[in-house]
C-alpha atoms as a PDB file:
ATOM      1  CA  UNK A   1     119.515-160.003 209.731  1.00  0.00           C
ATOM      2  CA  UNK A   2     121.161-163.376 209.139  1.00  0.00           C
ATOM      3  CA  UNK A   3     123.453-163.373 212.183  1.00  0.00           C
ATOM      4  CA  UNK A   4     121.620-161.207 214.719  1.00  0.00           C
ATOM      5  CA  UNK A   5     120.022-163.700 217.076  1.00  0.00           C
ATOM      6  CA  UNK A   6     120.662-164.936 220.595  1.00  0.00           C
ATOM      7  CA  UNK A   7     122.600-168.117 221.395  1.00  0.00           C
ATOM      8  CA  UNK A   8     120.140-170.962 220.899  1.00  0.00           C
ATOM      9  CA  UNK A   9     119.570-174.139 222.906  1.00  0.00           C
ATOM     10  CA  UNK A  10     119.876-174.590 226.661  1.00  0.00           C
ATOM     11  CA  UNK A  11     123.655-174.908 227.118  1.00  0.00           C
ATOM     12  CA  UNK A  12     125.818-172.907 229.532  1.00  0.00           C
ATOM     13  CA  UNK A  13     126.302-170.053 227.052  1.00  0.00           C
ATOM     14  CA  UNK A  14     122.707-170.037 225.773  1.00  0.00           C
ATOM     15  CA  UNK A  15     120.401-167.053 226.013  1.00  0.00           C
ATOM     16  CA  UNK A  16     117.902-169.298 227.804  1.00  0.00           C
ATOM     17  CA  UNK A  17     120.302-169.626 230.746  1.00  0.00           C
ATOM     18  CA  UNK A  18     121.724-166.105 230.641  1.00  0.00           C
ATOM     19  CA  UNK A  19     118.811-163.683 230.272  1.00  0.00           C
ATOM     20  CA  UNK A  20     117.981-162.716 233.863  1.00  0.00           C
ATOM     21  CA  UNK A  21     118.921-159.112 233.116  1.00  0.00           C
ATOM     22  CA  UNK A  22     116.417-158.922 230.269  1.00  0.00           C
ATOM     23  CA  UNK A  23     113.753-160.475 232.512  1.00  0.00           C
ATOM     24  CA  UNK A  24     114.273-157.718 235.081  1.00  0.00           C
ATOM     25  CA  UNK A  25     113.953-155.071 232.362  1.00  0.00           C
ATOM     26  CA  UNK A  26     110.582-156.565 231.312  1.00  0.00           C
ATOM     27  CA  UNK A  27     109.489-156.450 234.963  1.00  0.00           C
ATOM     28  CA  UNK A  28     110.476-152.801 235.410  1.00  0.00           C
ATOM     29  CA  UNK A  29     108.413-151.800 232.376  1.00  0.00           C
ATOM     30  CA  UNK A  30     105.306-153.727 233.441  1.00  0.00           C
ATOM     31  CA  UNK A  31     103.533-150.775 235.101  1.00  0.00           C
ATOM     32  CA  UNK A  32     103.678-148.797 231.849  1.00  0.00           C
ATOM     33  CA  UNK A  33     102.304-151.842 229.990  1.00  0.00           C
ATOM     34  CA  UNK A  34      99.406-152.068 232.442  1.00  0.00           C
ATOM     35  CA  UNK A  35      98.581-148.385 232.037  1.00  0.00           C
ATOM     36  CA  UNK A  36      98.674-148.642 228.228  1.00  0.00           C
ATOM     37  CA  UNK A  37      96.325-151.633 228.161  1.00  0.00           C
ATOM     38  CA  UNK A  38      93.920-149.925 230.568  1.00  0.00           C
ATOM     39  CA  UNK A  39      93.733-146.967 228.152  1.00  0.00           C
ATOM     40  CA  UNK A  40      93.078-149.255 225.167  1.00  0.00           C
ATOM     41  CA  UNK A  41      90.297-151.145 226.913  1.00  0.00           C
ATOM     42  CA  UNK A  42      88.682-147.937 228.166  1.00  0.00           C
ATOM     43  CA  UNK A  43      88.983-145.825 225.012  1.00  0.00           C
ATOM     44  CA  UNK A  44      88.904-148.347 222.149  1.00  0.00           C
ATOM     45  CA  UNK A  45      87.016-151.285 223.718  1.00  0.00           C
ATOM     46  CA  UNK A  46      88.079-153.795 221.052  1.00  0.00           C
ATOM     47  CA  UNK A  47      86.056-156.955 220.451  1.00  0.00           C
ATOM     48  CA  UNK A  48      89.136-158.529 218.829  1.00  0.00           C
ATOM     49  CA  UNK A  49      92.490-157.241 220.049  1.00  0.00           C
ATOM     50  CA  UNK A  50      95.689-157.390 218.012  1.00  0.00           C
ATOM     51  CA  UNK A  51      98.870-157.669 220.112  1.00  0.00           C
ATOM     52  CA  UNK A  52     102.473-157.876 218.911  1.00  0.00           C
ATOM     53  CA  UNK A  53     105.655-158.594 220.850  1.00  0.00           C
ATOM     54  CA  UNK A  54     108.554-157.439 218.677  1.00  0.00           C
ATOM     55  CA  UNK A  55     111.908-159.084 219.348  1.00  0.00           C
ATOM     56  CA  UNK A  56     110.388-161.900 221.405  1.00  0.00           C
ATOM     57  CA  UNK A  57     113.614-163.972 221.302  1.00  0.00           C
ATOM     58  CA  UNK A  58     113.547-167.459 222.878  1.00  0.00           C
ATOM     59  CA  UNK A  59     114.091-169.047 226.265  1.00  0.00           C
ATOM     60  CA  UNK A  60     112.179-168.387 229.500  1.00  0.00           C
ATOM     61  CA  UNK A  61     111.540-164.695 228.754  1.00  0.00           C
ATOM     62  CA  UNK A  62     109.899-165.215 225.358  1.00  0.00           C
ATOM     63  CA  UNK A  63     106.350-165.487 226.713  1.00  0.00           C
ATOM     64  CA  UNK A  64     106.829-163.440 229.896  1.00  0.00           C
ATOM     65  CA  UNK A  65     105.601-160.195 228.350  1.00  0.00           C
ATOM     66  CA  UNK A  66     102.729-161.883 226.490  1.00  0.00           C
ATOM     67  CA  UNK A  67     101.560-163.661 229.635  1.00  0.00           C
ATOM     68  CA  UNK A  68     101.581-160.334 231.496  1.00  0.00           C
ATOM     69  CA  UNK A  69      99.660-158.619 228.694  1.00  0.00           C
ATOM     70  CA  UNK A  70      96.973-161.335 228.653  1.00  0.00           C
ATOM     71  CA  UNK A  71      96.667-161.199 232.453  1.00  0.00           C
ATOM     72  CA  UNK A  72      96.275-157.410 232.344  1.00  0.00           C
ATOM     73  CA  UNK A  73      93.630-157.534 229.584  1.00  0.00           C
ATOM     74  CA  UNK A  74      91.667-160.015 231.715  1.00  0.00           C
ATOM     75  CA  UNK A  75      91.917-157.917 234.906  1.00  0.00           C
ATOM     76  CA  UNK A  76      91.064-154.614 233.197  1.00  0.00           C
ATOM     77  CA  UNK A  77      88.094-156.151 231.361  1.00  0.00           C
ATOM     78  CA  UNK A  78      86.623-157.235 234.695  1.00  0.00           C
ATOM     79  CA  UNK A  79      87.330-153.854 236.284  1.00  0.00           C
ATOM     80  CA  UNK A  80      85.449-151.872 233.651  1.00  0.00           C
ATOM     81  CA  UNK A  81      82.716-154.455 233.037  1.00  0.00           C
ATOM     82  CA  UNK A  82      83.613-155.545 229.499  1.00  0.00           C
ATOM     83  CA  UNK A  83      83.883-159.004 227.981  1.00  0.00           C
ATOM     84  CA  UNK A  84      87.456-160.164 227.462  1.00  0.00           C
ATOM     85  CA  UNK A  85      88.224-159.541 223.771  1.00  0.00           C
ATOM     86  CA  UNK A  86      89.421-162.191 221.379  1.00  0.00           C
ATOM     87  CA  UNK A  87      93.215-161.987 221.468  1.00  0.00           C
ATOM     88  CA  UNK A  88      95.415-162.204 218.367  1.00  0.00           C
ATOM     89  CA  UNK A  89      99.037-162.377 219.526  1.00  0.00           C
ATOM     90  CA  UNK A  90     102.023-162.195 217.175  1.00  0.00           C
ATOM     91  CA  UNK A  91     105.504-163.154 218.361  1.00  0.00           C
ATOM     92  CA  UNK A  92     108.038-161.476 216.097  1.00  0.00           C
ATOM     93  CA  UNK A  93     111.781-161.816 215.730  1.00  0.00           C
ATOM     94  CA  UNK A  94     114.357-162.244 212.992  1.00  0.00           C
ATOM     95  CA  UNK A  95     114.336-165.517 211.006  1.00  0.00           C
ATOM     96  CA  UNK A  96     117.371-166.851 212.907  1.00  0.00           C
ATOM     97  CA  UNK A  97     115.456-166.851 216.184  1.00  0.00           C
ATOM     98  CA  UNK A  98     114.756-170.228 217.815  1.00  0.00           C
ATOM     99  CA  UNK A  99     110.976-170.161 217.294  1.00  0.00           C
ATOM    100  CA  UNK A 100     110.726-173.910 217.941  1.00  0.00           C
ATOM    101  CA  UNK A 101     111.820-173.271 221.521  1.00  0.00           C
ATOM    102  CA  UNK A 102     109.097-170.625 221.856  1.00  0.00           C
ATOM    103  CA  UNK A 103     106.384-172.863 220.444  1.00  0.00           C
ATOM    104  CA  UNK A 104     107.196-175.618 222.961  1.00  0.00           C
ATOM    105  CA  UNK A 105     106.027-173.283 225.731  1.00  0.00           C
ATOM    106  CA  UNK A 106     102.695-172.386 224.108  1.00  0.00           C
ATOM    107  CA  UNK A 107     100.658-175.320 225.547  1.00  0.00           C
ATOM    108  CA  UNK A 108     101.603-174.167 229.050  1.00  0.00           C
ATOM    109  CA  UNK A 109     100.474-170.630 228.226  1.00  0.00           C
ATOM    110  CA  UNK A 110      97.157-171.828 226.784  1.00  0.00           C
ATOM    111  CA  UNK A 111      96.515-174.015 229.846  1.00  0.00           C
ATOM    112  CA  UNK A 112      97.242-171.096 232.170  1.00  0.00           C
ATOM    113  CA  UNK A 113      94.873-168.807 230.260  1.00  0.00           C
ATOM    114  CA  UNK A 114      92.066-171.338 230.362  1.00  0.00           C
ATOM    115  CA  UNK A 115      92.581-172.404 233.982  1.00  0.00           C
ATOM    116  CA  UNK A 116      93.342-169.027 235.596  1.00  0.00           C
ATOM    117  CA  UNK A 117      91.393-166.616 233.378  1.00  0.00           C
ATOM    118  CA  UNK A 118      88.822-168.732 231.556  1.00  0.00           C
ATOM    119  CA  UNK A 119      90.148-167.360 228.259  1.00  0.00           C
ATOM    120  CA  UNK A 120      89.847-169.635 225.227  1.00  0.00           C
ATOM    121  CA  UNK A 121      89.690-167.129 222.364  1.00  0.00           C
ATOM    122  CA  UNK A 122      93.423-166.484 222.137  1.00  0.00           C
ATOM    123  CA  UNK A 123      95.527-167.227 219.087  1.00  0.00           C
ATOM    124  CA  UNK A 124      99.320-167.035 219.198  1.00  0.00           C
ATOM    125  CA  UNK A 125     101.699-167.403 216.259  1.00  0.00           C
ATOM    126  CA  UNK A 126     105.264-166.626 215.264  1.00  0.00           C
ATOM    127  CA  UNK A 127     106.110-164.023 212.647  1.00  0.00           C
ATOM    128  CA  UNK A 128     109.746-164.000 211.446  1.00  0.00           C
ATOM    129  CA  UNK A 129     110.984-160.760 209.911  1.00  0.00           C
ATOM    130  CA  UNK A 130     112.564-157.408 210.691  1.00  0.00           C
ATOM    131  CA  UNK A 131     110.466-154.855 212.561  1.00  0.00           C
ATOM    132  CA  UNK A 132     112.264-152.219 210.492  1.00  0.00           C
ATOM    133  CA  UNK A 133     109.552-152.485 207.863  1.00  0.00           C
ATOM    134  CA  UNK A 134     105.944-153.638 207.467  1.00  0.00           C
ATOM    135  CA  UNK A 135     104.902-156.855 209.206  1.00  0.00           C
ATOM    136  CA  UNK A 136     101.135-156.682 209.792  1.00  0.00           C
ATOM    137  CA  UNK A 137      97.940-155.739 207.905  1.00  0.00           C
ATOM    138  CA  UNK A 138      96.793-152.132 208.132  1.00  0.00           C
ATOM    139  CA  UNK A 139      95.032-151.148 211.382  1.00  0.00           C
ATOM    140  CA  UNK A 140      95.260-154.671 212.817  1.00  0.00           C
ATOM    141  CA  UNK A 141      97.191-153.915 216.025  1.00  0.00           C
ATOM    142  CA  UNK A 142      95.944-152.408 219.275  1.00  0.00           C
ATOM    143  CA  UNK A 143      99.035-152.930 221.399  1.00  0.00           C
ATOM    144  CA  UNK A 144     102.702-153.268 220.469  1.00  0.00           C
ATOM    145  CA  UNK A 145     105.390-154.273 222.942  1.00  0.00           C
ATOM    146  CA  UNK A 146     109.142-154.573 222.549  1.00  0.00           C
ATOM    147  CA  UNK A 147     111.828-155.068 225.193  1.00  0.00           C
ATOM    148  CA  UNK A 148     115.634-155.158 224.824  1.00  0.00           C
ATOM    149  CA  UNK A 149     115.483-155.130 221.021  1.00  0.00           C
ATOM    150  CA  UNK A 150     115.369-151.642 219.516  1.00  0.00           C
ATOM    151  CA  UNK A 151     118.958-150.790 220.428  1.00  0.00           C
ATOM    152  CA  UNK A 152     119.852-153.193 217.585  1.00  0.00           C
ATOM    153  CA  UNK A 153     120.068-151.474 214.216  1.00  0.00           C
ATOM    154  CA  UNK A 154     118.931-153.006 210.944  1.00  0.00           C
ATOM    155  CA  UNK A 155     122.537-153.094 209.737  1.00  0.00           C
ATOM    156  CA  UNK A 156     126.014-151.710 210.302  1.00  0.00           C
ATOM    157  CA  UNK A 157     125.844-147.981 209.413  1.00  0.00           C
ATOM    158  CA  UNK A 158     126.493-147.542 205.703  1.00  0.00           C
ATOM    159  CA  UNK A 159     128.718-144.550 206.457  1.00  0.00           C
ATOM    160  CA  UNK A 160     131.282-146.897 208.023  1.00  0.00           C
ATOM    161  CA  UNK A 161     132.121-148.731 204.824  1.00  0.00           C
ATOM    162  CA  UNK A 162     135.910-148.601 204.356  1.00  0.00           C
ATOM    163  CA  UNK A 163     137.207-146.003 201.933  1.00  0.00           C
ATOM    164  CA  UNK A 164     140.288-146.840 199.862  1.00  0.00           C
ATOM    165  CA  UNK A 165     141.033-149.749 202.193  1.00  0.00           C
ATOM    166  CA  UNK A 166     140.973-147.552 205.298  1.00  0.00           C
ATOM    167  CA  UNK A 167     138.671-148.441 208.196  1.00  0.00           C
ATOM    168  CA  UNK A 168     137.103-145.480 209.976  1.00  0.00           C
ATOM    169  CA  UNK A 169     136.725-147.008 213.454  1.00  0.00           C
ATOM    170  CA  UNK A 170     140.011-148.835 214.026  1.00  0.00           C
ATOM    171  CA  UNK A 171     140.458-151.076 217.088  1.00  0.00           C
ATOM    172  CA  UNK A 172     136.887-150.339 218.209  1.00  0.00           C
ATOM    173  CA  UNK A 173     133.684-152.355 217.933  1.00  0.00           C
ATOM    174  CA  UNK A 174     131.293-149.463 218.491  1.00  0.00           C
ATOM    175  CA  UNK A 175     131.413-145.803 219.467  1.00  0.00           C
ATOM    176  CA  UNK A 176     134.059-144.778 221.971  1.00  0.00           C
ATOM    177  CA  UNK A 177     135.567-141.587 223.340  1.00  0.00           C
ATOM    178  CA  UNK A 178     138.179-141.730 220.594  1.00  0.00           C
ATOM    179  CA  UNK A 179     135.647-142.133 217.756  1.00  0.00           C
ATOM    180  CA  UNK A 180     135.689-139.431 215.100  1.00  0.00           C
ATOM    181  CA  UNK A 181     132.637-137.298 214.365  1.00  0.00           C
ATOM    182  CA  UNK A 182     132.332-139.140 211.035  1.00  0.00           C
ATOM    183  CA  UNK A 183     131.776-142.397 212.918  1.00  0.00           C
ATOM    184  CA  UNK A 184     129.371-140.771 215.401  1.00  0.00           C
ATOM    185  CA  UNK A 185     127.302-139.212 212.600  1.00  0.00           C
ATOM    186  CA  UNK A 186     127.160-142.555 210.748  1.00  0.00           C
ATOM    187  CA  UNK A 187     125.616-144.220 213.799  1.00  0.00           C
ATOM    188  CA  UNK A 188     123.218-141.326 214.398  1.00  0.00           C
ATOM    189  CA  UNK A 189     122.091-141.394 210.771  1.00  0.00           C
ATOM    190  CA  UNK A 190     121.477-145.143 210.855  1.00  0.00           C
ATOM    191  CA  UNK A 191     119.425-144.790 214.045  1.00  0.00           C
ATOM    192  CA  UNK A 192     117.408-141.985 212.428  1.00  0.00           C
ATOM    193  CA  UNK A 193     116.676-144.057 209.318  1.00  0.00           C
ATOM    194  CA  UNK A 194     115.808-147.203 211.271  1.00  0.00           C
ATOM    195  CA  UNK A 195     113.632-145.664 213.970  1.00  0.00           C
ATOM    196  CA  UNK A 196     111.867-143.472 211.432  1.00  0.00           C
ATOM    197  CA  UNK A 197     111.015-146.575 209.386  1.00  0.00           C
ATOM    198  CA  UNK A 198     109.926-148.400 212.547  1.00  0.00           C
ATOM    199  CA  UNK A 199     107.481-145.615 213.418  1.00  0.00           C
ATOM    200  CA  UNK A 200     106.112-145.346 209.865  1.00  0.00           C
ATOM    201  CA  UNK A 201     105.559-149.106 209.721  1.00  0.00           C
ATOM    202  CA  UNK A 202     103.793-149.297 213.085  1.00  0.00           C
ATOM    203  CA  UNK A 203     101.665-146.239 212.284  1.00  0.00           C
ATOM    204  CA  UNK A 204     100.091-148.060 209.309  1.00  0.00           C
ATOM    205  CA  UNK A 205      99.524-151.232 211.300  1.00  0.00           C
ATOM    206  CA  UNK A 206      97.976-149.734 214.454  1.00  0.00           C
ATOM    207  CA  UNK A 207      94.450-148.531 215.132  1.00  0.00           C
ATOM    208  CA  UNK A 208      93.698-144.994 216.297  1.00  0.00           C
ATOM    209  CA  UNK A 209      94.445-144.627 220.043  1.00  0.00           C
ATOM    210  CA  UNK A 210      96.412-147.870 219.991  1.00  0.00           C
ATOM    211  CA  UNK A 211      99.346-148.010 222.398  1.00  0.00           C
ATOM    212  CA  UNK A 212     102.973-149.033 222.129  1.00  0.00           C
ATOM    213  CA  UNK A 213     105.475-149.634 224.964  1.00  0.00           C
ATOM    214  CA  UNK A 214     109.140-149.884 223.989  1.00  0.00           C
ATOM    215  CA  UNK A 215     112.039-150.672 226.314  1.00  0.00           C
ATOM    216  CA  UNK A 216     115.667-150.579 225.173  1.00  0.00           C
ATOM    217  CA  UNK A 217     119.182-149.692 226.246  1.00  0.00           C
ATOM    218  CA  UNK A 218     119.965-146.007 225.917  1.00  0.00           C
ATOM    219  CA  UNK A 219     121.709-143.182 227.703  1.00  0.00           C
ATOM    220  CA  UNK A 220     121.101-140.072 229.804  1.00  0.00           C
ATOM    221  CA  UNK A 221     124.105-138.191 228.468  1.00  0.00           C
ATOM    222  CA  UNK A 222     123.754-136.051 225.328  1.00  0.00           C
ATOM    223  CA  UNK A 223     127.078-137.568 224.232  1.00  0.00           C
ATOM    224  CA  UNK A 224     126.655-140.809 222.205  1.00  0.00           C
ATOM    225  CA  UNK A 225     130.208-141.794 223.207  1.00  0.00           C
ATOM    226  CA  UNK A 226     129.600-141.617 226.976  1.00  0.00           C
ATOM    227  CA  UNK A 227     130.675-144.721 228.910  1.00  0.00           C
ATOM    228  CA  UNK A 228     127.076-145.429 229.963  1.00  0.00           C
ATOM    229  CA  UNK A 229     126.225-145.972 226.305  1.00  0.00           C
ATOM    230  CA  UNK A 230     129.136-148.032 225.054  1.00  0.00           C
ATOM    231  CA  UNK A 231     131.547-149.215 227.772  1.00  0.00           C
ATOM    232  CA  UNK A 232     130.619-152.910 227.410  1.00  0.00           C
ATOM    233  CA  UNK A 233     131.719-152.725 223.759  1.00  0.00           C
ATOM    234  CA  UNK A 234     134.906-150.863 224.710  1.00  0.00           C
ATOM    235  CA  UNK A 235     135.917-153.653 227.101  1.00  0.00           C
ATOM    236  CA  UNK A 236     135.035-156.384 224.595  1.00  0.00           C
ATOM    237  CA  UNK A 237     137.217-154.592 222.060  1.00  0.00           C
ATOM    238  CA  UNK A 238     140.061-154.602 224.583  1.00  0.00           C
ATOM    239  CA  UNK A 239     139.671-158.363 225.025  1.00  0.00           C
ATOM    240  CA  UNK A 240     139.802-158.871 221.250  1.00  0.00           C
ATOM    241  CA  UNK A 241     142.862-156.620 220.947  1.00  0.00           C
ATOM    242  CA  UNK A 242     144.633-158.734 223.577  1.00  0.00           C
ATOM    243  CA  UNK A 243     144.187-161.738 221.250  1.00  0.00           C
ATOM    244  CA  UNK A 244     145.782-159.690 218.479  1.00  0.00           C
ATOM    245  CA  UNK A 245     148.771-158.798 220.674  1.00  0.00           C
ATOM    246  CA  UNK A 246     149.292-162.508 221.329  1.00  0.00           C
ATOM    247  CA  UNK A 247     149.135-163.341 217.624  1.00  0.00           C
ATOM    248  CA  UNK A 248     145.808-165.184 217.890  1.00  0.00           C
ATOM    249  CA  UNK A 249     143.726-162.807 215.777  1.00  0.00           C
ATOM    250  CA  UNK A 250     144.317-160.468 212.851  1.00  0.00           C
ATOM    251  CA  UNK A 251     143.970-156.810 213.826  1.00  0.00           C
ATOM    252  CA  UNK A 252     142.364-156.016 210.472  1.00  0.00           C
ATOM    253  CA  UNK A 253     139.347-158.111 211.484  1.00  0.00           C
ATOM    254  CA  UNK A 254     138.805-155.939 214.547  1.00  0.00           C
ATOM    255  CA  UNK A 255     139.204-152.773 212.486  1.00  0.00           C
ATOM    256  CA  UNK A 256     136.559-154.082 210.053  1.00  0.00           C
ATOM    257  CA  UNK A 257     133.950-154.912 212.714  1.00  0.00           C
ATOM    258  CA  UNK A 258     131.273-152.401 213.719  1.00  0.00           C
ATOM    259  CA  UNK A 259     128.373-153.414 215.944  1.00  0.00           C
ATOM    260  CA  UNK A 260     124.861-152.839 214.505  1.00  0.00           C
ATOM    261  CA  UNK A 261     123.855-151.168 217.760  1.00  0.00           C
ATOM    262  CA  UNK A 262     122.908-147.720 219.021  1.00  0.00           C
ATOM    263  CA  UNK A 263     121.963-146.500 222.505  1.00  0.00           C
ATOM    264  CA  UNK A 264     119.842-143.349 222.014  1.00  0.00           C
ATOM    265  CA  UNK A 265     118.832-140.687 224.504  1.00  0.00           C
ATOM    266  CA  UNK A 266     115.204-139.877 225.314  1.00  0.00           C
ATOM    267  CA  UNK A 267     115.654-136.578 223.489  1.00  0.00           C
ATOM    268  CA  UNK A 268     116.711-138.370 220.291  1.00  0.00           C
ATOM    269  CA  UNK A 269     113.699-140.673 220.466  1.00  0.00           C
ATOM    270  CA  UNK A 270     111.359-137.723 221.115  1.00  0.00           C
ATOM    271  CA  UNK A 271     112.756-135.884 218.069  1.00  0.00           C
ATOM    272  CA  UNK A 272     112.057-138.864 215.833  1.00  0.00           C
ATOM    273  CA  UNK A 273     108.505-139.155 217.195  1.00  0.00           C
ATOM    274  CA  UNK A 274     107.845-135.445 216.642  1.00  0.00           C
ATOM    275  CA  UNK A 275     109.315-135.594 213.144  1.00  0.00           C
ATOM    276  CA  UNK A 276     107.138-138.582 212.194  1.00  0.00           C
ATOM    277  CA  UNK A 277     103.969-137.141 213.716  1.00  0.00           C
ATOM    278  CA  UNK A 278     101.997-140.393 213.919  1.00  0.00           C
ATOM    279  CA  UNK A 279     102.477-140.937 217.657  1.00  0.00           C
ATOM    280  CA  UNK A 280     102.643-138.952 220.858  1.00  0.00           C
ATOM    281  CA  UNK A 281     104.785-139.937 223.836  1.00  0.00           C
ATOM    282  CA  UNK A 282     102.470-140.345 226.822  1.00  0.00           C
ATOM    283  CA  UNK A 283     104.996-141.696 229.299  1.00  0.00           C
ATOM    284  CA  UNK A 284     108.746-142.141 229.601  1.00  0.00           C
ATOM    285  CA  UNK A 285     111.127-143.439 232.239  1.00  0.00           C
ATOM    286  CA  UNK A 286     114.884-143.807 232.436  1.00  0.00           C
ATOM    287  CA  UNK A 287     116.330-146.231 234.951  1.00  0.00           C
ATOM    288  CA  UNK A 288     119.684-147.739 235.852  1.00  0.00           C
ATOM    289  CA  UNK A 289     120.358-151.440 236.050  1.00  0.00           C
ATOM    290  CA  UNK A 290     123.648-152.880 237.293  1.00  0.00           C
ATOM    291  CA  UNK A 291     125.723-154.913 234.876  1.00  0.00           C
ATOM    292  CA  UNK A 292     125.722-157.756 237.384  1.00  0.00           C
ATOM    293  CA  UNK A 293     122.059-157.863 238.273  1.00  0.00           C
ATOM    294  CA  UNK A 294     121.477-161.597 237.878  1.00  0.00           C
ATOM    295  CA  UNK A 295     121.452-164.547 240.255  1.00  0.00           C
ATOM    296  CA  UNK A 296     124.281-164.084 242.796  1.00  0.00           C
ATOM    297  CA  UNK A 297     123.576-167.230 244.834  1.00  0.00           C
ATOM    298  CA  UNK A 298     126.711-169.018 243.600  1.00  0.00           C
ATOM    299  CA  UNK A 299     129.584-167.354 245.480  1.00  0.00           C
ATOM    300  CA  UNK A 300     132.153-169.306 243.442  1.00  0.00           C
ATOM    301  CA  UNK A 301     131.270-167.317 240.316  1.00  0.00           C
ATOM    302  CA  UNK A 302     132.615-163.796 239.909  1.00  0.00           C
ATOM    303  CA  UNK A 303     130.544-160.813 238.819  1.00  0.00           C
ATOM    304  CA  UNK A 304     132.666-160.493 235.698  1.00  0.00           C
ATOM    305  CA  UNK A 305     131.914-164.089 234.754  1.00  0.00           C
ATOM    306  CA  UNK A 306     128.154-163.524 235.062  1.00  0.00           C
ATOM    307  CA  UNK A 307     128.307-160.307 233.054  1.00  0.00           C
ATOM    308  CA  UNK A 308     130.488-161.850 230.339  1.00  0.00           C
ATOM    309  CA  UNK A 309     128.120-164.827 230.004  1.00  0.00           C
ATOM    310  CA  UNK A 310     125.116-162.510 229.655  1.00  0.00           C
ATOM    311  CA  UNK A 311     126.841-160.539 226.894  1.00  0.00           C
ATOM    312  CA  UNK A 312     128.193-163.678 225.216  1.00  0.00           C
ATOM    313  CA  UNK A 313     124.681-165.128 224.937  1.00  0.00           C
ATOM    314  CA  UNK A 314     123.700-162.063 222.898  1.00  0.00           C
ATOM    315  CA  UNK A 315     126.743-161.225 220.750  1.00  0.00           C
ATOM    316  CA  UNK A 316     128.408-164.587 220.111  1.00  0.00           C
ATOM    317  CA  UNK A 317     126.584-165.331 216.821  1.00  0.00           C
ATOM    318  CA  UNK A 318     127.787-161.978 215.423  1.00  0.00           C
ATOM    319  CA  UNK A 319     131.343-162.596 216.590  1.00  0.00           C
ATOM    320  CA  UNK A 320     131.332-166.120 215.148  1.00  0.00           C
ATOM    321  CA  UNK A 321     130.184-164.826 211.776  1.00  0.00           C
ATOM    322  CA  UNK A 322     132.784-162.058 211.562  1.00  0.00           C
ATOM    323  CA  UNK A 323     135.853-163.390 213.371  1.00  0.00           C
ATOM    324  CA  UNK A 324     135.501-167.153 212.810  1.00  0.00           C
ATOM    325  CA  UNK A 325     137.234-167.828 216.136  1.00  0.00           C
ATOM    326  CA  UNK A 326     136.258-171.429 216.791  1.00  0.00           C
ATOM    327  CA  UNK A 327     135.113-172.770 220.149  1.00  0.00           C
ATOM    328  CA  UNK A 328     138.480-172.757 221.950  1.00  0.00           C
ATOM    329  CA  UNK A 329     139.402-169.225 220.914  1.00  0.00           C
ATOM    330  CA  UNK A 330     135.882-167.963 221.662  1.00  0.00           C
ATOM    331  CA  UNK A 331     136.184-169.439 225.159  1.00  0.00           C
ATOM    332  CA  UNK A 332     139.566-167.750 225.558  1.00  0.00           C
ATOM    333  CA  UNK A 333     138.147-164.420 224.407  1.00  0.00           C
ATOM    334  CA  UNK A 334     135.444-164.514 227.074  1.00  0.00           C
ATOM    335  CA  UNK A 335     137.904-165.649 229.757  1.00  0.00           C
ATOM    336  CA  UNK A 336     139.864-162.486 229.029  1.00  0.00           C
ATOM    337  CA  UNK A 337     136.668-160.432 228.871  1.00  0.00           C
ATOM    338  CA  UNK A 338     135.674-161.826 232.278  1.00  0.00           C
ATOM    339  CA  UNK A 339     138.979-160.735 233.810  1.00  0.00           C
ATOM    340  CA  UNK A 340     138.720-157.242 232.295  1.00  0.00           C
ATOM    341  CA  UNK A 341     135.185-156.804 233.642  1.00  0.00           C
ATOM    342  CA  UNK A 342     136.168-158.125 237.090  1.00  0.00           C
ATOM    343  CA  UNK A 343     139.013-155.600 237.207  1.00  0.00           C
ATOM    344  CA  UNK A 344     136.600-152.763 236.350  1.00  0.00           C
ATOM    345  CA  UNK A 345     133.937-153.896 238.823  1.00  0.00           C
ATOM    346  CA  UNK A 346     136.525-154.029 241.612  1.00  0.00           C
ATOM    347  CA  UNK A 347     136.944-150.260 241.195  1.00  0.00           C
ATOM    348  CA  UNK A 348     133.429-149.059 240.354  1.00  0.00           C
ATOM    349  CA  UNK A 349     129.840-150.184 239.869  1.00  0.00           C
ATOM    350  CA  UNK A 350     128.942-150.314 236.204  1.00  0.00           C
ATOM    351  CA  UNK A 351     125.347-149.669 235.151  1.00  0.00           C
ATOM    352  CA  UNK A 352     123.309-149.792 231.984  1.00  0.00           C
ATOM    353  CA  UNK A 353     120.774-147.078 231.222  1.00  0.00           C
ATOM    354  CA  UNK A 354     117.407-148.374 230.072  1.00  0.00           C
ATOM    355  CA  UNK A 355     114.604-146.366 228.465  1.00  0.00           C
ATOM    356  CA  UNK A 356     110.935-147.341 228.798  1.00  0.00           C
ATOM    357  CA  UNK A 357     108.629-145.241 226.623  1.00  0.00           C
ATOM    358  CA  UNK A 358     104.867-145.390 226.071  1.00  0.00           C
ATOM    359  CA  UNK A 359     103.348-144.111 222.810  1.00  0.00           C
ATOM    360  CA  UNK A 360      99.795-143.467 221.639  1.00  0.00           C
ATOM    361  CA  UNK A 361      98.786-143.662 217.980  1.00  0.00           C
ATOM    362  CA  UNK A 362      97.295-140.348 216.906  1.00  0.00           C
ATOM    363  CA  UNK A 363      93.731-140.256 215.610  1.00  0.00           C
END
């Protein structure tokens, strides 16, 4: 919780300048968001509507989803002949998030709402804390949204704690084809505990027939160690190991690192929902998105460089905390990572698998 946040500021390695991929993922999930809000307005008809964006982050994407939600509420209200409800919007992320950056954009959002929609009864605030646990008063939320966040676990799986000085996942940062079943089960158990707690927490906070749309990295394969679920971590591990081979980093530090991350399948998510019983899945989509799906207008920049910068903006705070590399060595790590990715992309197109799932709160 203390180190899991995106790179802050507006520098070259910041999340603000390297989050085009996440913006596209929000866009792809927008039709499911629209459908969910239509159902809420038609079935619940709230006078005051509680909305939460979980894992809002910072930078240009932080208010993208909220702006879309507000626009949709306005359009749907007109379509079905209802007054636009009062909107209570919570922006949630971990305490390390750059909320000040988010708040700077709020005046622009308020002006847009008033000018374009005539909406004045909208209240937006930040709420730091983990969504793996209670955040809101009981039955206060009508719509919950989260994009590119729930593949992050609450912690490194407890089952990976070293035993008698022996690390269970040597030379790897996450699951890989060489991971033992002990390591795989530790990640699966942590996902089960976290997602189960997430569902229980949201169930208390949401009204009957409330909706939730979640979008996160996952996989199609039943195998948690499939390349589509973990190859970016495999290649980053290779870049770190190359530093070890050159005497620039202790191998023990790599052996001791395990990413608090898990890419589930739709079937795993559905099992957790069925087990909890508070929600039903009323829509699900799996789609591919290329690793290099950002701005390609600068022909002097390689695909590997763009991909490495996108990943660096997300994982650098974790790497800094664990490896203590310093700026020069961190730059060298990502130079090597860039070359490794370029080599892979010259042979094949690499794609992430993203899950977008819509849920309804049971009565």
